[in-house]
Amino acid sequence: MMIVCAYNARINQLFGATSAAASTDATLVGRMPRATVRLPSLRHWRTQRLLTQGELAHLAELHWTSVSRIENGKPADIDTVRKLSAALQLEPSALMAQPPSS
């Protein structure tokens, strides 16, 4: 009997948490989206530094797939931009600008 009561209490906890989370999500509908930017010159600056995507990711403490996605046109959030610009020793605006023509 004791096990059944503990089980029922845990189920109530889980369902209570689910409905609390659902109601929290409903109140956050009007929140501001995360700021993201595109980095069209990331590949240019990475290759100028003779770095692979994996090496840059390691320096920026990111996963290499993040670097790949950003180089292929997906937007990056502001924290990621800061990490990449610090790893490449550039201002973030240099990554957001169009790459210099060769």
PDB file of N, CA and C in Angstrom:
ATOM      1  N   MET A   1       0.831  -1.185   0.000  1.00  0.00           N
ATOM      2  CA  MET A   1       0.000   0.000   0.000  1.00  0.00           C
ATOM      3  C   MET A   1       0.880   1.254   0.000  1.00  0.00           C
ATOM      4  N   MET A   2       1.983   1.197   0.740  1.00  0.00           N
ATOM      5  CA  MET A   2       2.874   2.342   0.840  1.00  0.00           C
ATOM      6  C   MET A   2       3.513   2.657  -0.511  1.00  0.00           C
ATOM      7  N   ILE A   3       3.869   1.629  -1.269  1.00  0.00           N
ATOM      8  CA  ILE A   3       4.492   1.821  -2.581  1.00  0.00           C
ATOM      9  C   ILE A   3       3.501   2.482  -3.537  1.00  0.00           C
ATOM     10  N   VAL A   4       2.237   2.064  -3.483  1.00  0.00           N
ATOM     11  CA  VAL A   4       1.220   2.637  -4.368  1.00  0.00           C
ATOM     12  C   VAL A   4       1.022   4.112  -4.055  1.00  0.00           C
ATOM     13  N   CYS A   5       1.009   4.478  -2.780  1.00  0.00           N
ATOM     14  CA  CYS A   5       0.836   5.884  -2.394  1.00  0.00           C
ATOM     15  C   CYS A   5       2.023   6.719  -2.868  1.00  0.00           C
ATOM     16  N   ALA A   6       3.237   6.191  -2.726  1.00  0.00           N
ATOM     17  CA  ALA A   6       4.422   6.910  -3.184  1.00  0.00           C
ATOM     18  C   ALA A   6       4.390   7.058  -4.704  1.00  0.00           C
ATOM     19  N   TYR A   7       3.958   6.010  -5.396  1.00  0.00           N
ATOM     20  CA  TYR A   7       3.850   6.060  -6.855  1.00  0.00           C
ATOM     21  C   TYR A   7       2.835   7.129  -7.282  1.00  0.00           C
ATOM     22  N   ASN A   8       1.666   7.130  -6.637  1.00  0.00           N
ATOM     23  CA  ASN A   8       0.632   8.120  -6.969  1.00  0.00           C
ATOM     24  C   ASN A   8       1.104   9.539  -6.674  1.00  0.00           C
ATOM     25  N   ALA A   9       1.836   9.709  -5.603  1.00  0.00           N
ATOM     26  CA  ALA A   9       2.358  11.038  -5.266  1.00  0.00           C
ATOM     27  C   ALA A   9       3.344  11.494  -6.343  1.00  0.00           C
ATOM     28  N   ARG A  10       4.186  10.584  -6.822  1.00  0.00           N
ATOM     29  CA  ARG A  10       5.163  10.925  -7.861  1.00  0.00           C
ATOM     30  C   ARG A  10       4.456  11.263  -9.178  1.00  0.00           C
ATOM     31  N   ILE A  11       3.427  10.503  -9.517  1.00  0.00           N
ATOM     32  CA  ILE A  11       2.652  10.786 -10.732  1.00  0.00           C
ATOM     33  C   ILE A  11       2.017  12.168 -10.626  1.00  0.00           C
ATOM     34  N   ASN A  12       1.463  12.496  -9.471  1.00  0.00           N
ATOM     35  CA  ASN A  12       0.864  13.815  -9.285  1.00  0.00           C
ATOM     36  C   ASN A  12       1.917  14.915  -9.396  1.00  0.00           C
ATOM     37  N   GLN A  13       3.102  14.650  -8.884  1.00  0.00           N
ATOM     38  CA  GLN A  13       4.195  15.616  -9.016  1.00  0.00           C
ATOM     39  C   GLN A  13       4.523  15.858 -10.479  1.00  0.00           C
ATOM     40  N   LEU A  14       4.661  14.771 -11.219  1.00  0.00           N
ATOM     41  CA  LEU A  14       5.025  14.889 -12.628  1.00  0.00           C
ATOM     42  C   LEU A  14       3.954  15.606 -13.430  1.00  0.00           C
ATOM     43  N   PHE A  15       2.704  15.238 -13.234  1.00  0.00           N
ATOM     44  CA  PHE A  15       1.646  15.895 -13.979  1.00  0.00           C
ATOM     45  C   PHE A  15       1.462  17.327 -13.534  1.00  0.00           C
ATOM     46  N   GLY A  16       1.679  17.583 -12.260  1.00  0.00           N
ATOM     47  CA  GLY A  16       1.604  18.965 -11.760  1.00  0.00           C
ATOM     48  C   GLY A  16       2.693  19.817 -12.380  1.00  0.00           C
ATOM     49  N   ALA A  17       3.913  19.238 -12.490  1.00  0.00           N
ATOM     50  CA  ALA A  17       5.023  19.971 -13.096  1.00  0.00           C
ATOM     51  C   ALA A  17       4.760  20.226 -14.574  1.00  0.00           C
ATOM     52  N   THR A  18       4.146  19.244 -15.252  1.00  0.00           N
ATOM     53  CA  THR A  18       3.849  19.410 -16.667  1.00  0.00           C
ATOM     54  C   THR A  18       2.844  20.533 -16.875  1.00  0.00           C
ATOM     55  N   SER A  19       1.783  20.540 -16.052  1.00  0.00           N
ATOM     56  CA  SER A  19       0.815  21.599 -16.264  1.00  0.00           C
ATOM     57  C   SER A  19       1.357  22.953 -15.837  1.00  0.00           C
ATOM     58  N   ALA A  20       2.235  22.986 -14.845  1.00  0.00           N
ATOM     59  CA  ALA A  20       2.857  24.255 -14.460  1.00  0.00           C
ATOM     60  C   ALA A  20       3.748  24.755 -15.583  1.00  0.00           C
ATOM     61  N   ALA A  21       4.487  23.838 -16.217  1.00  0.00           N
ATOM     62  CA  ALA A  21       5.348  24.233 -17.329  1.00  0.00           C
ATOM     63  C   ALA A  21       4.509  24.719 -18.499  1.00  0.00           C
ATOM     64  N   ALA A  22       3.405  24.058 -18.767  1.00  0.00           N
ATOM     65  CA  ALA A  22       2.538  24.481 -19.871  1.00  0.00           C
ATOM     66  C   ALA A  22       1.975  25.858 -19.617  1.00  0.00           C
ATOM     67  N   SER A  23       1.574  26.128 -18.371  1.00  0.00           N
ATOM     68  CA  SER A  23       1.033  27.454 -18.087  1.00  0.00           C
ATOM     69  C   SER A  23       2.123  28.509 -18.126  1.00  0.00           C
ATOM     70  N   THR A  24       3.369  28.141 -17.747  1.00  0.00           N
ATOM     71  CA  THR A  24       4.489  29.073 -17.842  1.00  0.00           C
ATOM     72  C   THR A  24       4.774  29.397 -19.298  1.00  0.00           C
ATOM     73  N   ASP A  25       4.755  28.380 -20.178  1.00  0.00           N
ATOM     74  CA  ASP A  25       4.973  28.618 -21.599  1.00  0.00           C
ATOM     75  C   ASP A  25       3.930  29.567 -22.164  1.00  0.00           C
ATOM     76  N   ALA A  26       2.711  29.431 -21.717  1.00  0.00           N
ATOM     77  CA  ALA A  26       1.652  30.295 -22.221  1.00  0.00           C
ATOM     78  C   ALA A  26       1.899  31.744 -21.824  1.00  0.00           C
ATOM     79  N   THR A  27       2.495  31.958 -20.642  1.00  0.00           N
ATOM     80  CA  THR A  27       2.747  33.338 -20.220  1.00  0.00           C
ATOM     81  C   THR A  27       3.978  33.919 -20.903  1.00  0.00           C
ATOM     82  N   LEU A  28       4.851  33.077 -21.488  1.00  0.00           N
ATOM     83  CA  LEU A  28       6.063  33.555 -22.128  1.00  0.00           C
ATOM     84  C   LEU A  28       5.905  33.761 -23.631  1.00  0.00           C
ATOM     85  N   VAL A  29       4.695  33.644 -24.130  1.00  0.00           N
ATOM     86  CA  VAL A  29       4.480  33.764 -25.568  1.00  0.00           C
ATOM     87  C   VAL A  29       4.936  35.126 -26.072  1.00  0.00           C
ATOM     88  N   GLY A  30       4.746  36.180 -25.309  1.00  0.00           N
ATOM     89  CA  GLY A  30       5.092  37.520 -25.747  1.00  0.00           C
ATOM     90  C   GLY A  30       6.526  37.922 -25.494  1.00  0.00           C
ATOM     91  N   ARG A  31       7.395  36.992 -25.101  1.00  0.00           N
ATOM     92  CA  ARG A  31       8.778  37.356 -24.786  1.00  0.00           C
ATOM     93  C   ARG A  31       9.559  37.683 -26.054  1.00  0.00           C
ATOM     94  N   MET A  32      10.647  38.388 -25.877  1.00  0.00           N
ATOM     95  CA  MET A  32      11.493  38.779 -26.998  1.00  0.00           C
ATOM     96  C   MET A  32      12.267  37.568 -27.505  1.00  0.00           C
ATOM     97  N   PRO A  33      12.407  37.428 -28.817  1.00  0.00           N
ATOM     98  CA  PRO A  33      13.211  36.320 -29.355  1.00  0.00           C
ATOM     99  C   PRO A  33      14.694  36.571 -29.087  1.00  0.00           C
ATOM    100  N   ARG A  34      15.479  35.516 -29.114  1.00  0.00           N
ATOM    101  CA  ARG A  34      16.924  35.651 -28.926  1.00  0.00           C
ATOM    102  C   ARG A  34      17.511  36.401 -30.102  1.00  0.00           C
ATOM    103  N   ALA A  35      18.452  37.269 -29.806  1.00  0.00           N
ATOM    104  CA  ALA A  35      19.105  38.040 -30.859  1.00  0.00           C
ATOM    105  C   ALA A  35      20.078  37.138 -31.610  1.00  0.00           C
ATOM    106  N   THR A  36      19.944  37.123 -32.922  1.00  0.00           N
ATOM    107  CA  THR A  36      20.842  36.338 -33.759  1.00  0.00           C
ATOM    108  C   THR A  36      21.316  37.194 -34.925  1.00  0.00           C
ATOM    109  N   VAL A  37      22.493  36.867 -35.414  1.00  0.00           N
ATOM    110  CA  VAL A  37      23.052  37.569 -36.576  1.00  0.00           C
ATOM    111  C   VAL A  37      23.717  36.542 -37.492  1.00  0.00           C
ATOM    112  N   ARG A  38      23.886  36.916 -38.731  1.00  0.00           N
ATOM    113  CA  ARG A  38      24.606  36.070 -39.686  1.00  0.00           C
ATOM    114  C   ARG A  38      26.049  36.559 -39.765  1.00  0.00           C
ATOM    115  N   LEU A  39      26.959  35.631 -39.993  1.00  0.00           N
ATOM    116  CA  LEU A  39      28.392  35.940 -40.041  1.00  0.00           C
ATOM    117  C   LEU A  39      28.955  35.557 -41.409  1.00  0.00           C
ATOM    118  N   PRO A  40      28.708  36.379 -42.424  1.00  0.00           N
ATOM    119  CA  PRO A  40      29.118  36.001 -43.780  1.00  0.00           C
ATOM    120  C   PRO A  40      30.624  35.889 -43.986  1.00  0.00           C
ATOM    121  N   SER A  41      31.422  36.521 -43.138  1.00  0.00           N
ATOM    122  CA  SER A  41      32.873  36.451 -43.364  1.00  0.00           C
ATOM    123  C   SER A  41      33.590  35.510 -42.395  1.00  0.00           C
ATOM    124  N   LEU A  42      32.841  34.698 -41.662  1.00  0.00           N
ATOM    125  CA  LEU A  42      33.481  33.772 -40.718  1.00  0.00           C
ATOM    126  C   LEU A  42      34.445  32.838 -41.441  1.00  0.00           C
ATOM    127  N   ARG A  43      34.020  32.234 -42.537  1.00  0.00           N
ATOM    128  CA  ARG A  43      34.897  31.301 -43.272  1.00  0.00           C
ATOM    129  C   ARG A  43      36.160  32.015 -43.765  1.00  0.00           C
ATOM    130  N   HIS A  44      35.998  33.241 -44.273  1.00  0.00           N
ATOM    131  CA  HIS A  44      37.151  34.005 -44.754  1.00  0.00           C
ATOM    132  C   HIS A  44      38.190  34.173 -43.645  1.00  0.00           C
ATOM    133  N   TRP A  45      37.748  34.654 -42.484  1.00  0.00           N
ATOM    134  CA  TRP A  45      38.698  34.915 -41.397  1.00  0.00           C
ATOM    135  C   TRP A  45      39.268  33.629 -40.817  1.00  0.00           C
ATOM    136  N   ARG A  46      38.462  32.564 -40.786  1.00  0.00           N
ATOM    137  CA  ARG A  46      38.971  31.282 -40.290  1.00  0.00           C
ATOM    138  C   ARG A  46      40.075  30.769 -41.204  1.00  0.00           C
ATOM    139  N   THR A  47      39.868  30.827 -42.514  1.00  0.00           N
ATOM    140  CA  THR A  47      40.893  30.328 -43.433  1.00  0.00           C
ATOM    141  C   THR A  47      42.109  31.257 -43.473  1.00  0.00           C
ATOM    142  N   GLN A  48      41.917  32.535 -43.265  1.00  0.00           N
ATOM    143  CA  GLN A  48      43.054  33.454 -43.180  1.00  0.00           C
ATOM    144  C   GLN A  48      43.956  33.102 -42.001  1.00  0.00           C
ATOM    145  N   ARG A  49      43.360  32.575 -40.931  1.00  0.00           N
ATOM    146  CA  ARG A  49      44.122  32.164 -39.743  1.00  0.00           C
ATOM    147  C   ARG A  49      44.615  30.718 -39.861  1.00  0.00           C
ATOM    148  N   LEU A  50      44.346  30.084 -41.012  1.00  0.00           N
ATOM    149  CA  LEU A  50      44.737  28.687 -41.272  1.00  0.00           C
ATOM    150  C   LEU A  50      44.205  27.732 -40.201  1.00  0.00           C
ATOM    151  N   LEU A  51      42.922  27.893 -39.861  1.00  0.00           N
ATOM    152  CA  LEU A  51      42.274  27.050 -38.867  1.00  0.00           C
ATOM    153  C   LEU A  51      41.225  26.173 -39.538  1.00  0.00           C
ATOM    154  N   THR A  52      41.099  24.954 -39.048  1.00  0.00           N
ATOM    155  CA  THR A  52      39.986  24.113 -39.470  1.00  0.00           C
ATOM    156  C   THR A  52      38.763  24.506 -38.650  1.00  0.00           C
ATOM    157  N   GLN A  53      37.609  24.029 -39.065  1.00  0.00           N
ATOM    158  CA  GLN A  53      36.402  24.300 -38.290  1.00  0.00           C
ATOM    159  C   GLN A  53      36.529  23.729 -36.876  1.00  0.00           C
ATOM    160  N   GLY A  54      37.117  22.553 -36.778  1.00  0.00           N
ATOM    161  CA  GLY A  54      37.300  21.931 -35.468  1.00  0.00           C
ATOM    162  C   GLY A  54      38.243  22.713 -34.574  1.00  0.00           C
ATOM    163  N   GLU A  55      39.323  23.237 -35.162  1.00  0.00           N
ATOM    164  CA  GLU A  55      40.274  24.027 -34.369  1.00  0.00           C
ATOM    165  C   GLU A  55      39.627  25.324 -33.882  1.00  0.00           C
ATOM    166  N   LEU A  56      38.889  25.988 -34.761  1.00  0.00           N
ATOM    167  CA  LEU A  56      38.204  27.215 -34.339  1.00  0.00           C
ATOM    168  C   LEU A  56      37.166  26.904 -33.273  1.00  0.00           C
ATOM    169  N   ALA A  57      36.432  25.833 -33.459  1.00  0.00           N
ATOM    170  CA  ALA A  57      35.432  25.440 -32.466  1.00  0.00           C
ATOM    171  C   ALA A  57      36.086  25.190 -31.114  1.00  0.00           C
ATOM    172  N   HIS A  58      37.231  24.525 -31.115  1.00  0.00           N
ATOM    173  CA  HIS A  58      37.946  24.256 -29.872  1.00  0.00           C
ATOM    174  C   HIS A  58      38.372  25.568 -29.199  1.00  0.00           C
ATOM    175  N   LEU A  59      38.922  26.490 -29.980  1.00  0.00           N
ATOM    176  CA  LEU A  59      39.353  27.774 -29.427  1.00  0.00           C
ATOM    177  C   LEU A  59      38.180  28.578 -28.868  1.00  0.00           C
ATOM    178  N   ALA A  60      37.030  28.481 -29.536  1.00  0.00           N
ATOM    179  CA  ALA A  60      35.851  29.242 -29.125  1.00  0.00           C
ATOM    180  C   ALA A  60      34.980  28.478 -28.132  1.00  0.00           C
ATOM    181  N   GLU A  61      35.376  27.264 -27.788  1.00  0.00           N
ATOM    182  CA  GLU A  61      34.617  26.405 -26.876  1.00  0.00           C
ATOM    183  C   GLU A  61      33.212  26.140 -27.411  1.00  0.00           C
ATOM    184  N   LEU A  62      33.160  25.765 -28.701  1.00  0.00           N
ATOM    185  CA  LEU A  62      31.919  25.409 -29.380  1.00  0.00           C
ATOM    186  C   LEU A  62      32.086  24.030 -29.996  1.00  0.00           C
ATOM    187  N   HIS A  63      31.011  23.487 -30.517  1.00  0.00           N
ATOM    188  CA  HIS A  63      31.082  22.236 -31.268  1.00  0.00           C
ATOM    189  C   HIS A  63      31.364  22.577 -32.717  1.00  0.00           C
ATOM    190  N   TRP A  64      32.113  21.728 -33.416  1.00  0.00           N
ATOM    191  CA  TRP A  64      32.482  22.041 -34.797  1.00  0.00           C
ATOM    192  C   TRP A  64      31.266  22.158 -35.699  1.00  0.00           C
ATOM    193  N   THR A  65      30.172  21.462 -35.367  1.00  0.00           N
ATOM    194  CA  THR A  65      28.973  21.578 -36.198  1.00  0.00           C
ATOM    195  C   THR A  65      28.364  22.972 -36.107  1.00  0.00           C
ATOM    196  N   SER A  66      28.552  23.644 -34.988  1.00  0.00           N
ATOM    197  CA  SER A  66      28.066  25.026 -34.864  1.00  0.00           C
ATOM    198  C   SER A  66      28.806  25.925 -35.838  1.00  0.00           C
ATOM    199  N   VAL A  67      30.117  25.772 -35.911  1.00  0.00           N
ATOM    200  CA  VAL A  67      30.918  26.564 -36.848  1.00  0.00           C
ATOM    201  C   VAL A  67      30.478  26.262 -38.274  1.00  0.00           C
ATOM    202  N   SER A  68      30.268  25.009 -38.592  1.00  0.00           N
ATOM    203  CA  SER A  68      29.843  24.613 -39.932  1.00  0.00           C
ATOM    204  C   SER A  68      28.497  25.235 -40.288  1.00  0.00           C
ATOM    205  N   ARG A  69      27.545  25.149 -39.388  1.00  0.00           N
ATOM    206  CA  ARG A  69      26.217  25.712 -39.658  1.00  0.00           C
ATOM    207  C   ARG A  69      26.290  27.215 -39.892  1.00  0.00           C
ATOM    208  N   ILE A  70      27.074  27.909 -39.068  1.00  0.00           N
ATOM    209  CA  ILE A  70      27.183  29.370 -39.204  1.00  0.00           C
ATOM    210  C   ILE A  70      27.848  29.729 -40.528  1.00  0.00           C
ATOM    211  N   GLU A  71      28.882  28.994 -40.896  1.00  0.00           N
ATOM    212  CA  GLU A  71      29.554  29.258 -42.171  1.00  0.00           C
ATOM    213  C   GLU A  71      28.645  28.982 -43.363  1.00  0.00           C
ATOM    214  N   ASN A  72      27.657  28.129 -43.184  1.00  0.00           N
ATOM    215  CA  ASN A  72      26.723  27.819 -44.261  1.00  0.00           C
ATOM    216  C   ASN A  72      25.461  28.672 -44.211  1.00  0.00           C
ATOM    217  N   GLY A  73      25.514  29.793 -43.486  1.00  0.00           N
ATOM    218  CA  GLY A  73      24.437  30.769 -43.546  1.00  0.00           C
ATOM    219  C   GLY A  73      23.426  30.774 -42.434  1.00  0.00           C
ATOM    220  N   LYS A  74      23.535  29.868 -41.473  1.00  0.00           N
ATOM    221  CA  LYS A  74      22.590  29.878 -40.358  1.00  0.00           C
ATOM    222  C   LYS A  74      22.980  30.999 -39.396  1.00  0.00           C
ATOM    223  N   PRO A  75      22.007  31.607 -38.724  1.00  0.00           N
ATOM    224  CA  PRO A  75      22.339  32.682 -37.789  1.00  0.00           C
ATOM    225  C   PRO A  75      22.980  32.151 -36.507  1.00  0.00           C
ATOM    226  N   ALA A  76      23.754  33.008 -35.874  1.00  0.00           N
ATOM    227  CA  ALA A  76      24.424  32.674 -34.604  1.00  0.00           C
ATOM    228  C   ALA A  76      23.901  33.607 -33.524  1.00  0.00           C
ATOM    229  N   ASP A  77      23.755  33.095 -32.312  1.00  0.00           N
ATOM    230  CA  ASP A  77      23.327  33.999 -31.241  1.00  0.00           C
ATOM    231  C   ASP A  77      24.504  34.856 -30.780  1.00  0.00           C
ATOM    232  N   ILE A  78      24.199  35.884 -30.035  1.00  0.00           N
ATOM    233  CA  ILE A  78      25.185  36.895 -29.664  1.00  0.00           C
ATOM    234  C   ILE A  78      26.348  36.295 -28.871  1.00  0.00           C
ATOM    235  N   ASP A  79      26.063  35.383 -27.955  1.00  0.00           N
ATOM    236  CA  ASP A  79      27.141  34.762 -27.170  1.00  0.00           C
ATOM    237  C   ASP A  79      28.113  33.998 -28.069  1.00  0.00           C
ATOM    238  N   THR A  80      27.591  33.323 -29.069  1.00  0.00           N
ATOM    239  CA  THR A  80      28.437  32.583 -30.001  1.00  0.00           C
ATOM    240  C   THR A  80      29.296  33.537 -30.817  1.00  0.00           C
ATOM    241  N   VAL A  81      28.717  34.654 -31.235  1.00  0.00           N
ATOM    242  CA  VAL A  81      29.482  35.661 -31.983  1.00  0.00           C
ATOM    243  C   VAL A  81      30.643  36.171 -31.139  1.00  0.00           C
ATOM    244  N   ARG A  82      30.387  36.424 -29.879  1.00  0.00           N
ATOM    245  CA  ARG A  82      31.446  36.898 -28.980  1.00  0.00           C
ATOM    246  C   ARG A  82      32.566  35.874 -28.855  1.00  0.00           C
ATOM    247  N   LYS A  83      32.199  34.606 -28.707  1.00  0.00           N
ATOM    248  CA  LYS A  83      33.213  33.544 -28.581  1.00  0.00           C
ATOM    249  C   LYS A  83      34.054  33.424 -29.846  1.00  0.00           C
ATOM    250  N   LEU A  84      33.387  33.466 -30.995  1.00  0.00           N
ATOM    251  CA  LEU A  84      34.115  33.336 -32.261  1.00  0.00           C
ATOM    252  C   LEU A  84      35.018  34.534 -32.514  1.00  0.00           C
ATOM    253  N   SER A  85      34.523  35.734 -32.232  1.00  0.00           N
ATOM    254  CA  SER A  85      35.354  36.917 -32.478  1.00  0.00           C
ATOM    255  C   SER A  85      36.555  36.943 -31.532  1.00  0.00           C
ATOM    256  N   ALA A  86      36.375  36.498 -30.293  1.00  0.00           N
ATOM    257  CA  ALA A  86      37.508  36.434 -29.366  1.00  0.00           C
ATOM    258  C   ALA A  86      38.525  35.392 -29.826  1.00  0.00           C
ATOM    259  N   ALA A  87      38.037  34.238 -30.294  1.00  0.00           N
ATOM    260  CA  ALA A  87      38.939  33.180 -30.756  1.00  0.00           C
ATOM    261  C   ALA A  87      39.732  33.625 -31.978  1.00  0.00           C
ATOM    262  N   LEU A  88      39.112  34.420 -32.845  1.00  0.00           N
ATOM    263  CA  LEU A  88      39.790  34.899 -34.050  1.00  0.00           C
ATOM    264  C   LEU A  88      40.501  36.234 -33.840  1.00  0.00           C
ATOM    265  N   GLN A  89      40.380  36.789 -32.653  1.00  0.00           N
ATOM    266  CA  GLN A  89      40.983  38.074 -32.301  1.00  0.00           C
ATOM    267  C   GLN A  89      40.523  39.169 -33.266  1.00  0.00           C
ATOM    268  N   LEU A  90      39.216  39.239 -33.458  1.00  0.00           N
ATOM    269  CA  LEU A  90      38.593  40.228 -34.330  1.00  0.00           C
ATOM    270  C   LEU A  90      37.447  40.904 -33.585  1.00  0.00           C
ATOM    271  N   GLU A  91      37.051  42.061 -34.086  1.00  0.00           N
ATOM    272  CA  GLU A  91      35.833  42.693 -33.597  1.00  0.00           C
ATOM    273  C   GLU A  91      34.644  41.923 -34.186  1.00  0.00           C
ATOM    274  N   PRO A  92      33.555  41.800 -33.451  1.00  0.00           N
ATOM    275  CA  PRO A  92      32.389  41.108 -33.990  1.00  0.00           C
ATOM    276  C   PRO A  92      31.902  41.703 -35.319  1.00  0.00           C
ATOM    277  N   SER A  93      32.047  43.007 -35.479  1.00  0.00           N
ATOM    278  CA  SER A  93      31.596  43.638 -36.736  1.00  0.00           C
ATOM    279  C   SER A  93      32.361  43.120 -37.946  1.00  0.00           C
ATOM    280  N   ALA A  94      33.602  42.684 -37.764  1.00  0.00           N
ATOM    281  CA  ALA A  94      34.363  42.121 -38.878  1.00  0.00           C
ATOM    282  C   ALA A  94      33.755  40.806 -39.357  1.00  0.00           C
ATOM    283  N   LEU A  95      33.190  40.036 -38.443  1.00  0.00           N
ATOM    284  CA  LEU A  95      32.540  38.776 -38.818  1.00  0.00           C
ATOM    285  C   LEU A  95      31.178  39.009 -39.464  1.00  0.00           C
ATOM    286  N   MET A  96      30.516  40.094 -39.071  1.00  0.00           N
ATOM    287  CA  MET A  96      29.181  40.384 -39.597  1.00  0.00           C
ATOM    288  C   MET A  96      29.231  41.076 -40.957  1.00  0.00           C
ATOM    289  N   ALA A  97      30.385  41.640 -41.323  1.00  0.00           N
ATOM    290  CA  ALA A  97      30.528  42.323 -42.605  1.00  0.00           C
ATOM    291  C   ALA A  97      30.695  41.310 -43.735  1.00  0.00           C
ATOM    292  N   GLN A  98      30.484  41.760 -44.946  1.00  0.00           N
ATOM    293  CA  GLN A  98      30.739  40.911 -46.108  1.00  0.00           C
ATOM    294  C   GLN A  98      32.242  40.633 -46.187  1.00  0.00           C
ATOM    295  N   PRO A  99      32.631  39.435 -46.590  1.00  0.00           N
ATOM    296  CA  PRO A  99      34.053  39.123 -46.649  1.00  0.00           C
ATOM    297  C   PRO A  99      34.766  40.008 -47.671  1.00  0.00           C
ATOM    298  N   PRO A 100      36.018  40.366 -47.382  1.00  0.00           N
ATOM    299  CA  PRO A 100      36.774  41.153 -48.352  1.00  0.00           C
ATOM    300  C   PRO A 100      36.932  40.376 -49.652  1.00  0.00           C
ATOM    301  N   SER A 101      36.874  41.083 -50.769  1.00  0.00           N
ATOM    302  CA  SER A 101      37.042  40.403 -52.061  1.00  0.00           C
ATOM    303  C   SER A 101      38.507  40.063 -52.274  1.00  0.00           C
ATOM    304  N   SER A 102      38.748  38.907 -52.832  1.00  0.00           N
ATOM    305  CA  SER A 102      40.128  38.433 -53.017  1.00  0.00           C
ATOM    306  C   SER A 102      40.708  38.914 -54.319  1.00  0.00           C
TER     307      SER A 102
END
